[in-house]
Amino acid sequence: MMVVVPPISALKEDECAASEESSFNRTKEHLLQLLLRRLRLRMKTATVVLLLLWSCQAVTVTRSQDLRTTSLGTPHRDPHSSPPQPDIHTVLEEMSTLIIEQAVQLRHTKTQLEALEKKAEGMENRLRASENLIDQLKTVTDVQTVNLGLTLRSVSALRRERDESRVSFSASLLQEGGGYTGPSQVETPLVFRNIIANIGDAYSAKTGVFTAPTRGAYFFIVFASGHGHTSIPTGVTLWKNRELVVSAFARQEHGDMSASNGASLQLEAGDEICVKLWHDARVFDNHSKHTTFSGHLLFAM
């Protein structure tokens, strides 16, 4: 049997070619590793998202195929064959569509949030305005309350002043029956018991004394009635505290007679006015009210 040995030059050429191919393959693998490393560093997150979406799409496609298979009947398939994989371009297109839809929804949601923020801002402004209005109303109410208190005090003062300025009285000597009072050797206070009017209750029918309730100008007048007598006159005197003011006196032997007198006085609150019977004189009174004592406040001072 004859063995053919290739020439040495041919063997060297084959070794060089194999060495060049091995060096090219190593360079290619090194470049691929650098590229993959850069891709991993720059697109790690995007790759993960794409893989997840691709997996979801694969599951969706598989489920859709299962549903179609169920509805159309199960076709004969080789059990050893691998399931069909979805197209990466289709997955990317669906991902792009989904991203666009989400962007549109995001813009719509942002617009709604901006509208809600504007509405909330408007409501906050109205609430703040309402609070300011309430504060103003409270201030006005407080001022009105103070004014009302001042008004009530002023009204009370005016009522007191009115009540104090409403002073007037008139009384006759005898409350019932008729006859003479006196004579007496000394001047005797007369008590006019029959009240005709007593506005302000400044006159006392128990003591016969008028007490001034307020400072002011007053007018008083007294009338005394009697009958003629040879030795007994008819006479009375008007007194302020312990000071004689005026007298009313009459004397005649026969017939009816009367005497009267009056005066305007400036009194302080608490001053007392009374009428006394003239000494050794008498006065007459009955249901006709002949002998009277009257007085009233002209004006307060």
C-alpha atoms as a PDB file:
ATOM      1  CA  MET A   1       0.000   0.000   0.000  1.00  0.00           C
ATOM      2  CA  MET A   2       1.398   3.346  -0.945  1.00  0.00           C
ATOM      3  CA  VAL A   3       1.100   6.374   1.518  1.00  0.00           C
ATOM      4  CA  VAL A   4       1.038   9.863   0.047  1.00  0.00           C
ATOM      5  CA  VAL A   5       2.816  12.457   2.233  1.00  0.00           C
ATOM      6  CA  PRO A   6       1.868  16.090   1.626  1.00  0.00           C
ATOM      7  CA  PRO A   7       4.678  18.414   0.947  1.00  0.00           C
ATOM      8  CA  ILE A   8       6.126  20.455   3.824  1.00  0.00           C
ATOM      9  CA  SER A   9       5.156  23.785   2.266  1.00  0.00           C
ATOM     10  CA  ALA A  10       1.497  22.755   2.195  1.00  0.00           C
ATOM     11  CA  LEU A  11       1.614  21.824   5.877  1.00  0.00           C
ATOM     12  CA  LYS A  12       3.125  25.160   6.795  1.00  0.00           C
ATOM     13  CA  GLU A  13       0.450  27.031   4.868  1.00  0.00           C
ATOM     14  CA  ASP A  14      -2.292  25.092   6.695  1.00  0.00           C
ATOM     15  CA  GLU A  15      -0.698  25.873  10.078  1.00  0.00           C
ATOM     16  CA  CYS A  16      -0.485  29.591   9.267  1.00  0.00           C
ATOM     17  CA  ALA A  17      -4.072  29.700   8.165  1.00  0.00           C
ATOM     18  CA  ALA A  18      -5.216  27.918  11.322  1.00  0.00           C
ATOM     19  CA  SER A  19      -3.159  30.334  13.482  1.00  0.00           C
ATOM     20  CA  GLU A  20      -4.650  33.391  11.760  1.00  0.00           C
ATOM     21  CA  GLU A  21      -8.187  32.035  12.135  1.00  0.00           C
ATOM     22  CA  SER A  22      -7.623  31.330  15.833  1.00  0.00           C
ATOM     23  CA  SER A  23      -6.234  34.861  16.403  1.00  0.00           C
ATOM     24  CA  PHE A  24      -9.208  36.373  14.542  1.00  0.00           C
ATOM     25  CA  ASN A  25     -11.625  34.364  16.608  1.00  0.00           C
ATOM     26  CA  ARG A  26      -9.952  35.451  19.852  1.00  0.00           C
ATOM     27  CA  THR A  27     -10.027  39.114  18.759  1.00  0.00           C
ATOM     28  CA  LYS A  28     -13.687  38.768  17.807  1.00  0.00           C
ATOM     29  CA  GLU A  29     -14.580  37.206  21.136  1.00  0.00           C
ATOM     30  CA  HIS A  30     -12.681  39.954  23.004  1.00  0.00           C
ATOM     31  CA  LEU A  31     -14.531  42.686  21.097  1.00  0.00           C
ATOM     32  CA  LEU A  32     -17.849  40.972  21.747  1.00  0.00           C
ATOM     33  CA  GLN A  33     -17.079  40.777  25.452  1.00  0.00           C
ATOM     34  CA  LEU A  34     -16.212  44.509  25.578  1.00  0.00           C
ATOM     35  CA  LEU A  35     -19.371  45.384  23.690  1.00  0.00           C
ATOM     36  CA  LEU A  36     -21.516  43.260  25.975  1.00  0.00           C
ATOM     37  CA  ARG A  37     -19.871  44.762  29.005  1.00  0.00           C
ATOM     38  CA  ARG A  38     -20.606  48.311  27.805  1.00  0.00           C
ATOM     39  CA  LEU A  39     -24.156  47.337  26.907  1.00  0.00           C
ATOM     40  CA  ARG A  40     -24.632  45.852  30.357  1.00  0.00           C
ATOM     41  CA  LEU A  41     -23.336  49.032  31.991  1.00  0.00           C
ATOM     42  CA  ARG A  42     -25.373  51.445  29.874  1.00  0.00           C
ATOM     43  CA  MET A  43     -28.597  49.511  29.225  1.00  0.00           C
ATOM     44  CA  LYS A  44     -28.938  47.286  32.241  1.00  0.00           C
ATOM     45  CA  THR A  45     -32.275  48.712  33.322  1.00  0.00           C
ATOM     46  CA  ALA A  46     -33.665  48.925  29.799  1.00  0.00           C
ATOM     47  CA  THR A  47     -32.617  45.320  29.118  1.00  0.00           C
ATOM     48  CA  VAL A  48     -34.346  44.108  32.225  1.00  0.00           C
ATOM     49  CA  VAL A  49     -37.527  46.002  31.297  1.00  0.00           C
ATOM     50  CA  LEU A  50     -37.416  44.652  27.747  1.00  0.00           C
ATOM     51  CA  LEU A  51     -36.865  41.111  28.987  1.00  0.00           C
ATOM     52  CA  LEU A  52     -39.777  41.431  31.383  1.00  0.00           C
ATOM     53  CA  LEU A  53     -42.060  42.852  28.712  1.00  0.00           C
ATOM     54  CA  TRP A  54     -40.879  40.197  26.261  1.00  0.00           C
ATOM     55  CA  SER A  55     -41.627  37.495  28.807  1.00  0.00           C
ATOM     56  CA  CYS A  56     -45.095  38.948  29.429  1.00  0.00           C
ATOM     57  CA  GLN A  57     -45.660  39.088  25.682  1.00  0.00           C
ATOM     58  CA  ALA A  58     -44.512  35.493  25.314  1.00  0.00           C
ATOM     59  CA  VAL A  59     -46.904  34.414  28.027  1.00  0.00           C
ATOM     60  CA  THR A  60     -49.701  36.423  26.416  1.00  0.00           C
ATOM     61  CA  VAL A  61     -48.962  34.899  23.005  1.00  0.00           C
ATOM     62  CA  THR A  62     -48.832  31.421  24.517  1.00  0.00           C
ATOM     63  CA  ARG A  63     -52.162  31.951  26.290  1.00  0.00           C
ATOM     64  CA  SER A  64     -53.715  33.337  23.114  1.00  0.00           C
ATOM     65  CA  GLN A  65     -52.482  30.306  21.176  1.00  0.00           C
ATOM     66  CA  ASP A  66     -53.855  28.031  23.885  1.00  0.00           C
ATOM     67  CA  LEU A  67     -57.238  29.772  23.701  1.00  0.00           C
ATOM     68  CA  ARG A  68     -57.287  29.515  19.900  1.00  0.00           C
ATOM     69  CA  THR A  69     -56.257  25.916  20.135  1.00  0.00           C
ATOM     70  CA  THR A  70     -58.985  25.220  22.660  1.00  0.00           C
ATOM     71  CA  SER A  71     -61.640  26.950  20.551  1.00  0.00           C
ATOM     72  CA  LEU A  72     -60.482  25.407  17.227  1.00  0.00           C
ATOM     73  CA  GLY A  73     -59.463  22.037  18.462  1.00  0.00           C
ATOM     74  CA  THR A  74     -56.004  20.747  19.407  1.00  0.00           C
ATOM     75  CA  PRO A  75     -53.844  20.178  16.300  1.00  0.00           C
ATOM     76  CA  HIS A  76     -51.317  17.402  16.055  1.00  0.00           C
ATOM     77  CA  ARG A  77     -47.993  18.690  17.217  1.00  0.00           C
ATOM     78  CA  ASP A  78     -44.701  17.039  17.708  1.00  0.00           C
ATOM     79  CA  PRO A  79     -44.134  16.753  21.464  1.00  0.00           C
ATOM     80  CA  HIS A  80     -40.399  17.108  20.999  1.00  0.00           C
ATOM     81  CA  SER A  81     -40.689  20.421  19.068  1.00  0.00           C
ATOM     82  CA  SER A  82     -40.098  23.742  20.965  1.00  0.00           C
ATOM     83  CA  PRO A  83     -42.992  26.289  21.327  1.00  0.00           C
ATOM     84  CA  PRO A  84     -43.007  29.219  18.885  1.00  0.00           C
ATOM     85  CA  GLN A  85     -41.353  32.403  20.191  1.00  0.00           C
ATOM     86  CA  PRO A  86     -42.892  35.871  19.655  1.00  0.00           C
ATOM     87  CA  ASP A  87     -41.303  38.277  17.230  1.00  0.00           C
ATOM     88  CA  ILE A  88     -39.069  40.834  19.018  1.00  0.00           C
ATOM     89  CA  HIS A  89     -40.135  43.591  16.608  1.00  0.00           C
ATOM     90  CA  THR A  90     -43.776  42.959  17.434  1.00  0.00           C
ATOM     91  CA  VAL A  91     -42.998  43.088  21.168  1.00  0.00           C
ATOM     92  CA  LEU A  92     -41.089  46.348  20.731  1.00  0.00           C
ATOM     93  CA  GLU A  93     -43.944  47.885  18.736  1.00  0.00           C
ATOM     94  CA  GLU A  94     -46.435  46.862  21.428  1.00  0.00           C
ATOM     95  CA  MET A  95     -44.094  48.249  24.090  1.00  0.00           C
ATOM     96  CA  SER A  96     -43.888  51.549  22.210  1.00  0.00           C
ATOM     97  CA  THR A  97     -47.658  51.699  21.892  1.00  0.00           C
ATOM     98  CA  LEU A  98     -48.057  50.944  25.608  1.00  0.00           C
ATOM     99  CA  ILE A  99     -45.502  53.625  26.527  1.00  0.00           C
ATOM    100  CA  ILE A 100     -47.294  56.175  24.333  1.00  0.00           C
ATOM    101  CA  GLU A 101     -50.650  55.306  25.915  1.00  0.00           C
ATOM    102  CA  GLN A 102     -49.145  55.607  29.373  1.00  0.00           C
ATOM    103  CA  ALA A 103     -47.628  58.969  28.463  1.00  0.00           C
ATOM    104  CA  VAL A 104     -51.052  60.184  27.244  1.00  0.00           C
ATOM    105  CA  GLN A 105     -52.684  58.947  30.438  1.00  0.00           C
ATOM    106  CA  LEU A 106     -49.938  60.591  32.474  1.00  0.00           C
ATOM    107  CA  ARG A 107     -50.522  63.938  30.740  1.00  0.00           C
ATOM    108  CA  HIS A 108     -54.278  63.579  31.275  1.00  0.00           C
ATOM    109  CA  THR A 109     -53.743  62.755  34.943  1.00  0.00           C
ATOM    110  CA  LYS A 110     -51.374  65.704  35.283  1.00  0.00           C
ATOM    111  CA  THR A 111     -53.983  67.991  33.714  1.00  0.00           C
ATOM    112  CA  GLN A 112     -56.624  66.696  36.132  1.00  0.00           C
ATOM    113  CA  LEU A 113     -54.254  67.214  39.072  1.00  0.00           C
ATOM    114  CA  GLU A 114     -53.543  70.784  37.962  1.00  0.00           C
ATOM    115  CA  ALA A 115     -57.305  71.436  37.687  1.00  0.00           C
ATOM    116  CA  LEU A 116     -57.845  69.948  41.157  1.00  0.00           C
ATOM    117  CA  GLU A 117     -55.016  72.068  42.546  1.00  0.00           C
ATOM    118  CA  LYS A 118     -56.575  75.196  41.039  1.00  0.00           C
ATOM    119  CA  LYS A 119     -59.961  74.225  42.452  1.00  0.00           C
ATOM    120  CA  ALA A 120     -58.447  73.560  45.873  1.00  0.00           C
ATOM    121  CA  GLU A 121     -56.639  76.877  45.711  1.00  0.00           C
ATOM    122  CA  GLY A 122     -59.901  78.636  44.859  1.00  0.00           C
ATOM    123  CA  MET A 123     -61.671  76.894  47.738  1.00  0.00           C
ATOM    124  CA  GLU A 124     -58.832  77.848  50.076  1.00  0.00           C
ATOM    125  CA  ASN A 125     -59.103  81.477  48.959  1.00  0.00           C
ATOM    126  CA  ARG A 126     -62.867  81.447  49.538  1.00  0.00           C
ATOM    127  CA  LEU A 127     -62.348  79.845  52.939  1.00  0.00           C
ATOM    128  CA  ARG A 128     -59.792  82.487  53.838  1.00  0.00           C
ATOM    129  CA  ALA A 129     -62.180  85.210  52.675  1.00  0.00           C
ATOM    130  CA  SER A 130     -64.961  83.651  54.767  1.00  0.00           C
ATOM    131  CA  GLU A 131     -62.684  83.567  57.809  1.00  0.00           C
ATOM    132  CA  ASN A 132     -61.802  87.234  57.256  1.00  0.00           C
ATOM    133  CA  LEU A 133     -65.490  88.067  56.935  1.00  0.00           C
ATOM    134  CA  ILE A 134     -66.226  86.155  60.147  1.00  0.00           C
ATOM    135  CA  ASP A 135     -63.454  88.072  61.924  1.00  0.00           C
ATOM    136  CA  GLN A 136     -64.888  91.343  60.635  1.00  0.00           C
ATOM    137  CA  LEU A 137     -68.363  90.328  61.750  1.00  0.00           C
ATOM    138  CA  LYS A 138     -66.982  89.400  65.177  1.00  0.00           C
ATOM    139  CA  THR A 139     -65.312  92.791  65.397  1.00  0.00           C
ATOM    140  CA  VAL A 140     -68.527  94.529  64.346  1.00  0.00           C
ATOM    141  CA  THR A 141     -70.465  92.404  66.849  1.00  0.00           C
ATOM    142  CA  ASP A 142     -68.046  93.312  69.615  1.00  0.00           C
ATOM    143  CA  VAL A 143     -68.327  96.987  68.740  1.00  0.00           C
ATOM    144  CA  GLN A 144     -72.102  96.718  68.607  1.00  0.00           C
ATOM    145  CA  THR A 145     -72.096  94.925  71.966  1.00  0.00           C
ATOM    146  CA  VAL A 146     -70.035  97.725  73.485  1.00  0.00           C
ATOM    147  CA  ASN A 147     -72.282 100.323  71.884  1.00  0.00           C
ATOM    148  CA  LEU A 148     -75.337  98.447  73.127  1.00  0.00           C
ATOM    149  CA  GLY A 149     -73.927  98.432  76.654  1.00  0.00           C
ATOM    150  CA  LEU A 150     -73.235 102.155  76.427  1.00  0.00           C
ATOM    151  CA  THR A 151     -76.702 102.731  75.014  1.00  0.00           C
ATOM    152  CA  LEU A 152     -78.326 100.712  77.790  1.00  0.00           C
ATOM    153  CA  ARG A 153     -76.374 102.649  80.403  1.00  0.00           C
ATOM    154  CA  SER A 154     -77.336 105.894  78.712  1.00  0.00           C
ATOM    155  CA  VAL A 155     -80.971 104.811  78.642  1.00  0.00           C
ATOM    156  CA  SER A 156     -80.802 103.872  82.313  1.00  0.00           C
ATOM    157  CA  ALA A 157     -79.248 107.229  83.133  1.00  0.00           C
ATOM    158  CA  LEU A 158     -81.888 109.014  81.087  1.00  0.00           C
ATOM    159  CA  ARG A 159     -84.608 107.047  82.842  1.00  0.00           C
ATOM    160  CA  ARG A 160     -83.179 107.957  86.225  1.00  0.00           C
ATOM    161  CA  GLU A 161     -82.914 111.565  85.135  1.00  0.00           C
ATOM    162  CA  ARG A 162     -86.457 111.453  83.811  1.00  0.00           C
ATOM    163  CA  ASP A 163     -87.745 109.854  86.983  1.00  0.00           C
ATOM    164  CA  GLU A 164     -85.845 112.336  89.090  1.00  0.00           C
ATOM    165  CA  SER A 165     -87.167 115.220  86.997  1.00  0.00           C
ATOM    166  CA  ARG A 166     -90.739 114.014  87.400  1.00  0.00           C
ATOM    167  CA  VAL A 167     -91.388 115.422  90.856  1.00  0.00           C
ATOM    168  CA  SER A 168     -94.724 116.919  91.771  1.00  0.00           C
ATOM    169  CA  PHE A 169     -97.105 116.605  94.700  1.00  0.00           C
ATOM    170  CA  SER A 170    -100.237 118.120  96.205  1.00  0.00           C
ATOM    171  CA  ALA A 171    -102.048 117.275  99.471  1.00  0.00           C
ATOM    172  CA  SER A 172    -104.877 118.601 101.635  1.00  0.00           C
ATOM    173  CA  LEU A 173    -104.819 118.757 105.410  1.00  0.00           C
ATOM    174  CA  LEU A 174    -107.546 116.308 106.482  1.00  0.00           C
ATOM    175  CA  GLN A 175    -108.026 112.867 105.029  1.00  0.00           C
ATOM    176  CA  GLU A 176    -111.633 112.642 106.298  1.00  0.00           C
ATOM    177  CA  GLY A 177    -114.167 114.690 108.248  1.00  0.00           C
ATOM    178  CA  GLY A 178    -113.820 118.431 108.801  1.00  0.00           C
ATOM    179  CA  GLY A 179    -112.854 121.019 111.427  1.00  0.00           C
ATOM    180  CA  TYR A 180    -110.141 123.254 112.830  1.00  0.00           C
ATOM    181  CA  THR A 181    -106.500 122.507 113.524  1.00  0.00           C
ATOM    182  CA  GLY A 182    -105.057 124.796 116.287  1.00  0.00           C
ATOM    183  CA  PRO A 183    -104.597 127.150 117.862  1.00  0.00           C
ATOM    184  CA  SER A 184    -101.287 126.361 119.586  1.00  0.00           C
ATOM    185  CA  GLN A 185     -98.931 128.567 121.554  1.00  0.00           C
ATOM    186  CA  VAL A 186     -95.959 127.372 119.535  1.00  0.00           C
ATOM    187  CA  GLU A 187     -95.523 126.752 115.837  1.00  0.00           C
ATOM    188  CA  THR A 188     -96.562 123.197 115.065  1.00  0.00           C
ATOM    189  CA  PRO A 189     -95.704 121.171 111.900  1.00  0.00           C
ATOM    190  CA  LEU A 190     -98.777 120.437 109.779  1.00  0.00           C
ATOM    191  CA  VAL A 191     -99.146 116.974 108.239  1.00  0.00           C
ATOM    192  CA  PHE A 192    -101.193 117.081 105.034  1.00  0.00           C
ATOM    193  CA  ARG A 193    -102.516 113.515 105.022  1.00  0.00           C
ATOM    194  CA  ASN A 194    -104.873 113.506 102.051  1.00  0.00           C
ATOM    195  CA  ILE A 195    -102.628 112.873  99.019  1.00  0.00           C
ATOM    196  CA  ILE A 196    -103.975 114.352  95.806  1.00  0.00           C
ATOM    197  CA  ALA A 197    -100.817 113.593  93.740  1.00  0.00           C
ATOM    198  CA  ASN A 198     -97.329 112.431  94.653  1.00  0.00           C
ATOM    199  CA  ILE A 199     -95.264 111.894  91.511  1.00  0.00           C
ATOM    200  CA  GLY A 200     -91.785 110.759  92.480  1.00  0.00           C
ATOM    201  CA  ASP A 201     -92.861 109.933  96.067  1.00  0.00           C
ATOM    202  CA  ALA A 202     -90.840 112.825  97.452  1.00  0.00           C
ATOM    203  CA  TYR A 203     -93.590 113.895  99.888  1.00  0.00           C
ATOM    204  CA  SER A 204     -94.354 111.848 103.023  1.00  0.00           C
ATOM    205  CA  ALA A 205     -97.960 111.778 104.262  1.00  0.00           C
ATOM    206  CA  LYS A 206     -96.699 110.444 107.618  1.00  0.00           C
ATOM    207  CA  THR A 207     -94.361 113.299 108.461  1.00  0.00           C
ATOM    208  CA  GLY A 208     -95.669 116.125 106.229  1.00  0.00           C
ATOM    209  CA  VAL A 209     -92.102 116.696 104.932  1.00  0.00           C
ATOM    210  CA  PHE A 210     -91.028 116.981 101.288  1.00  0.00           C
ATOM    211  CA  THR A 211     -87.464 115.732 100.634  1.00  0.00           C
ATOM    212  CA  ALA A 212     -85.756 116.932  97.430  1.00  0.00           C
ATOM    213  CA  PRO A 213     -84.646 113.857  95.379  1.00  0.00           C
ATOM    214  CA  THR A 214     -82.227 115.812  93.190  1.00  0.00           C
ATOM    215  CA  ARG A 215     -80.558 119.148  92.879  1.00  0.00           C
ATOM    216  CA  GLY A 216     -82.703 121.668  91.084  1.00  0.00           C
ATOM    217  CA  ALA A 217     -85.176 124.542  91.133  1.00  0.00           C
ATOM    218  CA  TYR A 218     -88.509 123.852  92.877  1.00  0.00           C
ATOM    219  CA  PHE A 219     -91.715 125.807  93.401  1.00  0.00           C
ATOM    220  CA  PHE A 220     -93.914 125.456  96.530  1.00  0.00           C
ATOM    221  CA  ILE A 221     -97.270 127.046  97.462  1.00  0.00           C
ATOM    222  CA  VAL A 222     -99.525 126.780 100.515  1.00  0.00           C
ATOM    223  CA  PHE A 223    -103.183 127.749 101.028  1.00  0.00           C
ATOM    224  CA  ALA A 224    -104.759 128.213 104.497  1.00  0.00           C
ATOM    225  CA  SER A 225    -108.514 128.616 105.068  1.00  0.00           C
ATOM    226  CA  GLY A 226    -110.413 129.861 108.152  1.00  0.00           C
ATOM    227  CA  HIS A 227    -113.342 131.811 109.581  1.00  0.00           C
ATOM    228  CA  GLY A 228    -113.419 135.225 111.206  1.00  0.00           C
ATOM    229  CA  HIS A 229    -112.709 135.547 114.906  1.00  0.00           C
ATOM    230  CA  THR A 230    -112.002 138.456 117.161  1.00  0.00           C
ATOM    231  CA  SER A 231    -108.763 137.004 118.531  1.00  0.00           C
ATOM    232  CA  ILE A 232    -107.737 133.885 116.545  1.00  0.00           C
ATOM    233  CA  PRO A 233    -106.126 134.510 113.127  1.00  0.00           C
ATOM    234  CA  THR A 234    -105.516 132.072 110.233  1.00  0.00           C
ATOM    235  CA  GLY A 235    -101.861 131.609 109.388  1.00  0.00           C
ATOM    236  CA  VAL A 236     -99.140 129.149 108.240  1.00  0.00           C
ATOM    237  CA  THR A 237     -95.390 129.333 107.467  1.00  0.00           C
ATOM    238  CA  LEU A 238     -93.194 127.564 104.849  1.00  0.00           C
ATOM    239  CA  TRP A 239     -89.827 126.227 105.975  1.00  0.00           C
ATOM    240  CA  LYS A 240     -86.675 124.975 104.221  1.00  0.00           C
ATOM    241  CA  ASN A 241     -84.784 122.769 106.622  1.00  0.00           C
ATOM    242  CA  ARG A 242     -84.678 125.101 109.670  1.00  0.00           C
ATOM    243  CA  GLU A 243     -85.050 128.293 107.676  1.00  0.00           C
ATOM    244  CA  LEU A 244     -88.324 130.254 107.362  1.00  0.00           C
ATOM    245  CA  VAL A 245     -89.118 130.918 103.725  1.00  0.00           C
ATOM    246  CA  VAL A 246     -92.568 132.625 103.527  1.00  0.00           C
ATOM    247  CA  SER A 247     -95.703 133.124 105.656  1.00  0.00           C
ATOM    248  CA  ALA A 248     -99.443 133.185 104.859  1.00  0.00           C
ATOM    249  CA  PHE A 249    -101.556 135.093 107.435  1.00  0.00           C
ATOM    250  CA  ALA A 250    -105.106 136.504 107.635  1.00  0.00           C
ATOM    251  CA  ARG A 251    -107.298 138.006 110.431  1.00  0.00           C
ATOM    252  CA  GLN A 252    -110.883 139.247 110.463  1.00  0.00           C
ATOM    253  CA  GLU A 253    -113.780 139.162 112.891  1.00  0.00           C
ATOM    254  CA  HIS A 254    -116.533 137.804 110.636  1.00  0.00           C
ATOM    255  CA  GLY A 255    -116.975 135.584 107.538  1.00  0.00           C
ATOM    256  CA  ASP A 256    -114.758 133.151 105.619  1.00  0.00           C
ATOM    257  CA  MET A 257    -111.157 134.062 104.959  1.00  0.00           C
ATOM    258  CA  SER A 258    -107.969 132.485 103.477  1.00  0.00           C
ATOM    259  CA  ALA A 259    -104.292 133.172 103.149  1.00  0.00           C
ATOM    260  CA  SER A 260    -101.709 131.864 100.658  1.00  0.00           C
ATOM    261  CA  ASN A 261     -98.108 132.291  99.683  1.00  0.00           C
ATOM    262  CA  GLY A 262     -95.439 130.512  97.608  1.00  0.00           C
ATOM    263  CA  ALA A 263     -91.797 130.590  96.576  1.00  0.00           C
ATOM    264  CA  SER A 264     -89.294 129.163  94.105  1.00  0.00           C
ATOM    265  CA  LEU A 265     -86.330 127.535  95.806  1.00  0.00           C
ATOM    266  CA  GLN A 266     -82.995 126.124  94.727  1.00  0.00           C
ATOM    267  CA  LEU A 267     -82.597 122.851  96.608  1.00  0.00           C
ATOM    268  CA  GLU A 268     -79.870 120.288  96.965  1.00  0.00           C
ATOM    269  CA  ALA A 269     -80.699 116.616  97.064  1.00  0.00           C
ATOM    270  CA  GLY A 270     -81.880 115.824 100.601  1.00  0.00           C
ATOM    271  CA  ASP A 271     -83.152 119.288 101.513  1.00  0.00           C
ATOM    272  CA  GLU A 272     -86.472 119.214 103.441  1.00  0.00           C
ATOM    273  CA  ILE A 273     -89.536 121.453 103.014  1.00  0.00           C
ATOM    274  CA  CYS A 274     -92.473 121.584 105.470  1.00  0.00           C
ATOM    275  CA  VAL A 275     -95.411 123.767 106.571  1.00  0.00           C
ATOM    276  CA  LYS A 276     -96.003 124.872 110.156  1.00  0.00           C
ATOM    277  CA  LEU A 277     -99.075 126.347 111.877  1.00  0.00           C
ATOM    278  CA  TRP A 278     -98.661 129.980 112.983  1.00  0.00           C
ATOM    279  CA  HIS A 279     -98.547 130.267 116.755  1.00  0.00           C
ATOM    280  CA  ASP A 280    -101.931 131.086 118.356  1.00  0.00           C
ATOM    281  CA  ALA A 281    -103.560 130.577 114.905  1.00  0.00           C
ATOM    282  CA  ARG A 282    -105.864 127.989 113.363  1.00  0.00           C
ATOM    283  CA  VAL A 283    -106.780 126.557 109.925  1.00  0.00           C
ATOM    284  CA  PHE A 284    -109.911 124.885 108.655  1.00  0.00           C
ATOM    285  CA  ASP A 285    -110.357 121.934 106.267  1.00  0.00           C
ATOM    286  CA  ASN A 286    -112.994 119.396 105.225  1.00  0.00           C
ATOM    287  CA  HIS A 287    -113.917 117.232 102.239  1.00  0.00           C
ATOM    288  CA  SER A 288    -113.791 120.350 100.050  1.00  0.00           C
ATOM    289  CA  LYS A 289    -109.959 120.573 100.571  1.00  0.00           C
ATOM    290  CA  HIS A 290    -109.638 124.243 101.573  1.00  0.00           C
ATOM    291  CA  THR A 291    -106.138 124.021 103.165  1.00  0.00           C
ATOM    292  CA  THR A 292    -103.484 122.530 100.814  1.00  0.00           C
ATOM    293  CA  PHE A 293     -99.725 122.176 100.322  1.00  0.00           C
ATOM    294  CA  SER A 294     -98.248 121.718  96.813  1.00  0.00           C
ATOM    295  CA  GLY A 295     -94.858 121.705  95.126  1.00  0.00           C
ATOM    296  CA  HIS A 296     -92.972 120.489  92.015  1.00  0.00           C
ATOM    297  CA  LEU A 297     -89.567 120.442  90.372  1.00  0.00           C
ATOM    298  CA  LEU A 298     -89.134 123.148  87.782  1.00  0.00           C
ATOM    299  CA  PHE A 299     -85.883 121.766  86.349  1.00  0.00           C
ATOM    300  CA  ALA A 300     -82.874 119.777  87.506  1.00  0.00           C
ATOM    301  CA  MET A 301     -79.510 121.460  87.893  1.00  0.00           C
END
